[in-house]
N, C-alpha and C. Protein backbone atom coordinates (compact mmCIF):
# COMPACT_ATOMS: atom_id res chain seq x y z
N MET A 1 -49.71 -66.32 59.83
CA MET A 1 -49.03 -66.37 58.56
C MET A 1 -49.51 -65.19 57.71
N ASN A 2 -48.59 -64.54 57.11
CA ASN A 2 -48.92 -63.36 56.33
C ASN A 2 -48.96 -63.72 54.84
N LEU A 3 -50.11 -63.57 54.24
CA LEU A 3 -50.25 -63.93 52.83
C LEU A 3 -49.53 -62.95 51.91
N THR A 4 -49.22 -61.75 52.41
CA THR A 4 -48.49 -60.78 51.60
C THR A 4 -47.08 -61.30 51.32
N ALA A 5 -46.46 -61.92 52.30
CA ALA A 5 -45.12 -62.48 52.10
C ALA A 5 -45.16 -63.62 51.09
N LEU A 6 -46.19 -64.46 51.15
CA LEU A 6 -46.32 -65.54 50.17
C LEU A 6 -46.56 -64.99 48.78
N HIS A 7 -47.35 -63.93 48.68
CA HIS A 7 -47.61 -63.32 47.38
C HIS A 7 -46.32 -62.74 46.80
N TYR A 8 -45.51 -62.10 47.65
CA TYR A 8 -44.23 -61.55 47.21
C TYR A 8 -43.31 -62.67 46.73
N ALA A 9 -43.25 -63.77 47.47
CA ALA A 9 -42.40 -64.90 47.07
C ALA A 9 -42.87 -65.47 45.74
N TYR A 10 -44.18 -65.57 45.56
CA TYR A 10 -44.73 -66.07 44.30
C TYR A 10 -44.35 -65.15 43.14
N LEU A 11 -44.46 -63.85 43.34
CA LEU A 11 -44.11 -62.91 42.27
C LEU A 11 -42.62 -62.96 41.94
N MET A 12 -41.77 -63.12 42.95
CA MET A 12 -40.34 -63.21 42.70
C MET A 12 -40.01 -64.48 41.92
N MET A 13 -40.63 -65.60 42.30
CA MET A 13 -40.40 -66.86 41.60
C MET A 13 -40.89 -66.74 40.16
N ARG A 14 -42.03 -66.12 39.98
CA ARG A 14 -42.59 -65.97 38.64
C ARG A 14 -41.69 -65.11 37.76
N SER A 15 -41.15 -64.02 38.30
CA SER A 15 -40.30 -63.14 37.50
C SER A 15 -38.98 -63.83 37.14
N ARG A 16 -38.40 -64.57 38.07
CA ARG A 16 -37.15 -65.27 37.78
C ARG A 16 -37.36 -66.38 36.74
N LEU A 17 -38.46 -67.09 36.87
CA LEU A 17 -38.73 -68.15 35.91
C LEU A 17 -39.06 -67.58 34.53
N SER A 18 -39.69 -66.42 34.48
CA SER A 18 -39.98 -65.83 33.17
C SER A 18 -38.71 -65.39 32.47
N MET A 19 -37.70 -64.95 33.24
CA MET A 19 -36.42 -64.60 32.62
C MET A 19 -35.75 -65.84 32.03
N LEU A 20 -35.86 -66.98 32.73
CA LEU A 20 -35.27 -68.21 32.22
C LEU A 20 -36.04 -68.75 31.02
N HIS A 21 -37.32 -68.48 30.98
CA HIS A 21 -38.18 -69.05 29.95
C HIS A 21 -38.14 -68.27 28.63
N ASP A 22 -37.53 -67.10 28.61
CA ASP A 22 -37.52 -66.27 27.41
C ASP A 22 -36.56 -66.74 26.33
N ASP A 23 -35.86 -67.84 26.54
CA ASP A 23 -34.89 -68.28 25.55
C ASP A 23 -35.47 -69.24 24.51
N ASP A 24 -36.78 -69.46 24.51
CA ASP A 24 -37.50 -70.26 23.52
C ASP A 24 -37.06 -71.72 23.47
N ARG A 25 -36.54 -72.24 24.55
CA ARG A 25 -36.18 -73.65 24.60
C ARG A 25 -37.32 -74.51 25.11
N GLY A 26 -38.36 -73.90 25.60
CA GLY A 26 -39.47 -74.66 26.16
C GLY A 26 -39.35 -74.75 27.66
N VAL A 27 -40.24 -75.52 28.25
CA VAL A 27 -40.30 -75.65 29.70
C VAL A 27 -39.30 -76.72 30.13
N THR A 28 -38.48 -76.38 31.11
CA THR A 28 -37.50 -77.34 31.62
C THR A 28 -38.07 -78.10 32.80
N THR A 29 -37.44 -79.20 33.13
CA THR A 29 -37.89 -80.01 34.25
C THR A 29 -37.77 -79.23 35.55
N LEU A 30 -36.68 -78.49 35.70
CA LEU A 30 -36.50 -77.69 36.92
C LEU A 30 -37.61 -76.67 37.07
N GLU A 31 -38.00 -76.07 35.98
CA GLU A 31 -39.08 -75.08 36.02
C GLU A 31 -40.38 -75.72 36.49
N ILE A 32 -40.69 -76.89 35.98
CA ILE A 32 -41.91 -77.59 36.39
C ILE A 32 -41.84 -77.95 37.87
N VAL A 33 -40.69 -78.43 38.33
CA VAL A 33 -40.55 -78.79 39.74
C VAL A 33 -40.73 -77.57 40.64
N LEU A 34 -40.17 -76.43 40.23
CA LEU A 34 -40.32 -75.21 41.02
C LEU A 34 -41.76 -74.73 41.06
N TRP A 35 -42.46 -74.80 39.94
CA TRP A 35 -43.87 -74.39 39.91
C TRP A 35 -44.72 -75.29 40.81
N ILE A 36 -44.53 -76.59 40.69
CA ILE A 36 -45.32 -77.53 41.50
C ILE A 36 -45.00 -77.36 42.98
N GLY A 37 -43.73 -77.18 43.30
CA GLY A 37 -43.35 -76.95 44.69
C GLY A 37 -43.94 -75.67 45.24
N GLY A 38 -43.91 -74.61 44.45
CA GLY A 38 -44.49 -73.34 44.88
C GLY A 38 -45.99 -73.44 45.08
N LEU A 39 -46.65 -74.12 44.18
CA LEU A 39 -48.10 -74.30 44.32
C LEU A 39 -48.44 -75.15 45.54
N ALA A 40 -47.62 -76.16 45.82
CA ALA A 40 -47.85 -77.00 47.00
C ALA A 40 -47.69 -76.18 48.28
N VAL A 41 -46.68 -75.33 48.32
CA VAL A 41 -46.48 -74.48 49.51
C VAL A 41 -47.65 -73.52 49.68
N LEU A 42 -48.12 -72.93 48.59
CA LEU A 42 -49.27 -72.04 48.67
C LEU A 42 -50.53 -72.78 49.13
N ALA A 43 -50.72 -73.99 48.64
CA ALA A 43 -51.89 -74.78 49.05
C ALA A 43 -51.83 -75.11 50.53
N ILE A 44 -50.67 -75.48 51.04
CA ILE A 44 -50.52 -75.79 52.46
C ILE A 44 -50.77 -74.55 53.30
N ALA A 45 -50.30 -73.40 52.84
CA ALA A 45 -50.53 -72.15 53.58
C ALA A 45 -52.01 -71.81 53.62
N VAL A 46 -52.71 -71.97 52.52
CA VAL A 46 -54.14 -71.68 52.48
C VAL A 46 -54.90 -72.64 53.40
N ILE A 47 -54.52 -73.90 53.39
CA ILE A 47 -55.18 -74.87 54.27
C ILE A 47 -54.93 -74.51 55.73
N ALA A 48 -53.73 -74.06 56.06
CA ALA A 48 -53.43 -73.67 57.43
C ALA A 48 -54.26 -72.47 57.87
N VAL A 49 -54.42 -71.49 56.98
CA VAL A 49 -55.23 -70.31 57.31
C VAL A 49 -56.69 -70.70 57.50
N ILE A 50 -57.21 -71.53 56.63
CA ILE A 50 -58.61 -71.96 56.74
C ILE A 50 -58.83 -72.76 58.02
N THR A 51 -57.90 -73.66 58.32
CA THR A 51 -58.02 -74.47 59.54
C THR A 51 -58.00 -73.60 60.78
N THR A 52 -57.14 -72.61 60.81
CA THR A 52 -57.08 -71.70 61.95
C THR A 52 -58.39 -70.95 62.11
N LYS A 53 -58.94 -70.45 61.02
CA LYS A 53 -60.20 -69.71 61.10
C LYS A 53 -61.35 -70.60 61.54
N VAL A 54 -61.40 -71.83 61.06
CA VAL A 54 -62.46 -72.76 61.44
C VAL A 54 -62.33 -73.12 62.92
N ASN A 55 -61.13 -73.38 63.38
CA ASN A 55 -60.94 -73.70 64.80
C ASN A 55 -61.31 -72.53 65.70
N THR A 56 -61.00 -71.32 65.28
CA THR A 56 -61.38 -70.15 66.06
C THR A 56 -62.89 -69.99 66.10
N ALA A 57 -63.53 -70.21 64.97
CA ALA A 57 -64.99 -70.08 64.91
C ALA A 57 -65.68 -71.15 65.76
N THR A 58 -65.16 -72.37 65.74
CA THR A 58 -65.80 -73.43 66.52
C THR A 58 -65.55 -73.25 68.01
N ALA A 59 -64.47 -72.62 68.39
CA ALA A 59 -64.22 -72.38 69.81
C ALA A 59 -65.18 -71.34 70.38
N ASN A 60 -65.76 -70.51 69.52
CA ASN A 60 -66.69 -69.47 69.98
C ASN A 60 -68.14 -69.91 69.99
N ILE A 61 -68.43 -71.16 69.68
CA ILE A 61 -69.81 -71.66 69.69
C ILE A 61 -70.22 -71.90 71.14
N PRO A 62 -71.31 -71.27 71.59
CA PRO A 62 -71.75 -71.49 72.98
C PRO A 62 -72.36 -72.89 73.14
N THR A 63 -71.88 -73.63 74.12
CA THR A 63 -72.39 -74.97 74.35
C THR A 63 -73.06 -75.14 75.71
N GLY A 64 -73.03 -74.10 76.52
CA GLY A 64 -73.63 -74.18 77.85
C GLY A 64 -75.14 -73.95 77.81
N PRO A 65 -75.79 -74.25 78.96
CA PRO A 65 -77.26 -74.08 79.02
C PRO A 65 -77.70 -72.64 78.99
């Protein structure tokens, strides 16, 4: 998984939401749902990367005599 693609998606979502938010109406429900969904996707991606690195590291532990 490439974190650069996730970073680009986050920046695009942030720029689009900032354009919607400039009308001084406050935060909309859709905006909150999109932020929470985006953060959940980022959290799952980070967990996947960490899990992969931990599994790779544990596979390299020598267990023989």
